[in-house]
């Protein structure tokens, strides 16, 4: 809970590394594990400048993925372009979340070259 409150007040943090912090260790089967993901998701939603989140090494299970995916589908994680984590859930759910986060990446467009005028004076 303190993490989500801290992220709410922060306006400069762009990357967050919470790798291997032992939440989700049972694939979020314990109530505390699910609460940790809920608070993390709430903090990620509140911190609009946050673009990179690393929770790798914390086994995120089906319930945790559902929480993160729900926030992404609702557009609350539209600012997050990279989310690294260790899934402990069905591949379809994981793939859907990764695809949704990757769709947040800005699209690079090619700049048009200006043509030199060939008019003679």
Protein backbone atom coordinates (compact mmCIF):
# COMPACT_ATOMS: atom_id res chain seq x y z
CA UNK A 1 0.00 0.00 0.00
CA UNK A 2 2.86 2.37 0.78
CA UNK A 3 4.26 1.74 -2.69
CA UNK A 4 1.08 2.84 -4.46
CA UNK A 5 0.85 5.92 -2.20
CA UNK A 6 4.47 6.79 -2.96
CA UNK A 7 3.91 6.44 -6.69
CA UNK A 8 0.81 8.61 -6.48
CA UNK A 9 2.83 11.57 -5.21
CA UNK A 10 5.85 11.04 -7.46
CA UNK A 11 6.08 13.07 -10.65
CA UNK A 12 9.59 12.18 -11.87
CA UNK A 13 10.01 8.40 -11.64
CA UNK A 14 10.05 6.86 -15.12
CA UNK A 15 11.46 3.39 -14.33
CA UNK A 16 10.65 1.09 -11.43
CA UNK A 17 12.66 -2.04 -10.64
CA UNK A 18 11.01 -4.37 -8.13
CA UNK A 19 12.65 -7.53 -9.41
CA UNK A 20 12.97 -10.50 -7.06
CA UNK A 21 11.08 -9.07 -4.10
CA UNK A 22 9.26 -12.32 -3.28
CA UNK A 23 5.73 -11.21 -3.99
CA UNK A 24 3.82 -13.69 -6.06
CA UNK A 25 6.08 -16.47 -4.81
CA UNK A 26 3.24 -18.97 -4.82
CA UNK A 27 1.88 -17.76 -8.12
CA UNK A 28 -0.34 -15.30 -6.19
CA UNK A 29 -2.34 -18.04 -4.47
CA UNK A 30 -2.05 -16.33 -1.10
CA UNK A 31 -4.28 -13.30 -0.36
CA UNK A 32 -1.23 -11.15 0.44
CA UNK A 33 0.27 -11.91 -2.94
CA UNK A 34 -2.85 -10.73 -4.74
CA UNK A 35 -2.97 -7.60 -2.60
CA UNK A 36 0.63 -6.81 -3.56
CA UNK A 37 -0.28 -6.95 -7.26
CA UNK A 38 -3.41 -4.83 -6.64
CA UNK A 39 -1.36 -2.12 -4.91
CA UNK A 40 1.32 -2.28 -7.57
CA UNK A 41 -1.30 -1.93 -10.32
CA UNK A 42 -2.90 1.01 -8.50
CA UNK A 43 0.49 2.70 -8.19
CA UNK A 44 1.31 2.08 -11.83
CA UNK A 45 -2.03 3.61 -12.84
CA UNK A 46 -1.42 6.68 -10.68
CA UNK A 47 2.16 7.31 -11.85
CA UNK A 48 1.48 8.57 -15.38
CA UNK A 49 5.17 9.28 -16.05
CA UNK A 50 6.14 5.66 -15.31
CA UNK A 51 7.06 3.92 -18.58
CA UNK A 52 9.26 0.96 -17.53
CA UNK A 53 8.34 -1.52 -14.78
CA UNK A 54 10.43 -4.57 -13.89
CA UNK A 55 8.87 -7.14 -11.56
CA UNK A 56 10.83 -10.06 -13.00
CA UNK A 57 11.59 -12.83 -10.54
CA UNK A 58 8.25 -12.37 -8.77
CA UNK A 59 5.99 -15.17 -9.95
CA UNK A 60 2.81 -13.46 -11.12
CA UNK A 61 -0.04 -15.94 -11.31
CA UNK A 62 -3.38 -15.97 -13.06
CA UNK A 63 -5.11 -13.63 -10.59
CA UNK A 64 -2.24 -11.15 -10.73
CA UNK A 65 -2.20 -11.23 -14.51
CA UNK A 66 -5.95 -10.63 -14.54
CA UNK A 67 -5.49 -7.52 -12.38
CA UNK A 68 -2.71 -6.12 -14.56
CA UNK A 69 -4.51 -7.02 -17.79
CA UNK A 70 -7.75 -5.44 -16.55
CA UNK A 71 -5.93 -2.17 -15.82
CA UNK A 72 -4.27 -2.28 -19.25
CA UNK A 73 -7.55 -2.94 -21.09
CA UNK A 74 -9.25 -0.08 -19.23
CA UNK A 75 -6.50 2.20 -20.54
CA UNK A 76 -5.08 2.89 -17.08
CA UNK A 77 -1.62 1.65 -18.10
CA UNK A 78 -1.46 3.44 -21.45
CA UNK A 79 1.75 5.17 -20.39
CA UNK A 80 3.63 1.91 -19.58
CA UNK A 81 5.58 0.72 -22.62
CA UNK A 82 7.68 -2.01 -20.97
CA UNK A 83 6.63 -4.49 -18.28
CA UNK A 84 9.07 -7.28 -17.42
CA UNK A 85 7.86 -10.11 -15.21
CA UNK A 86 7.95 -13.86 -14.70
CA UNK A 87 4.54 -15.30 -15.55
CA UNK A 88 3.16 -18.22 -13.61
CA UNK A 89 -0.08 -18.46 -15.55
CA UNK A 90 -1.57 -19.60 -18.86
CA UNK A 91 0.29 -18.41 -21.94
CA UNK A 92 -2.82 -16.82 -23.49
CA UNK A 93 -3.28 -14.41 -20.59
CA UNK A 94 0.42 -13.56 -20.54
CA UNK A 95 0.50 -13.01 -24.32
CA UNK A 96 -2.60 -10.77 -24.20
CA UNK A 97 -1.04 -8.58 -21.50
CA UNK A 98 2.30 -8.33 -23.30
CA UNK A 99 0.55 -7.44 -26.58
CA UNK A 100 -1.51 -4.75 -24.83
CA UNK A 101 1.58 -3.17 -23.19
CA UNK A 102 3.55 -3.31 -26.45
CA UNK A 103 0.73 -1.52 -28.24
CA UNK A 104 1.46 1.48 -25.97
CA UNK A 105 4.82 2.04 -27.65
CA UNK A 106 4.90 5.15 -29.81
CA UNK A 107 4.81 4.45 -33.52
CA UNK A 108 7.86 5.71 -35.37
CA UNK A 109 7.04 7.56 -38.53
CA UNK A 110 9.37 8.34 -41.37
CA UNK A 111 10.09 11.98 -41.94
CA UNK A 112 9.35 13.21 -45.41
CA UNK A 113 12.21 14.79 -47.22
CA UNK A 114 11.59 18.25 -48.50
CA UNK A 115 11.92 18.49 -52.22
CA UNK A 116 13.99 21.25 -53.57
CA UNK A 117 12.17 23.60 -55.82
CA UNK A 118 13.20 23.30 -59.46
CA UNK A 119 11.53 26.51 -60.55
CA UNK A 120 13.73 28.97 -62.38
CA UNK A 121 13.41 32.67 -61.79
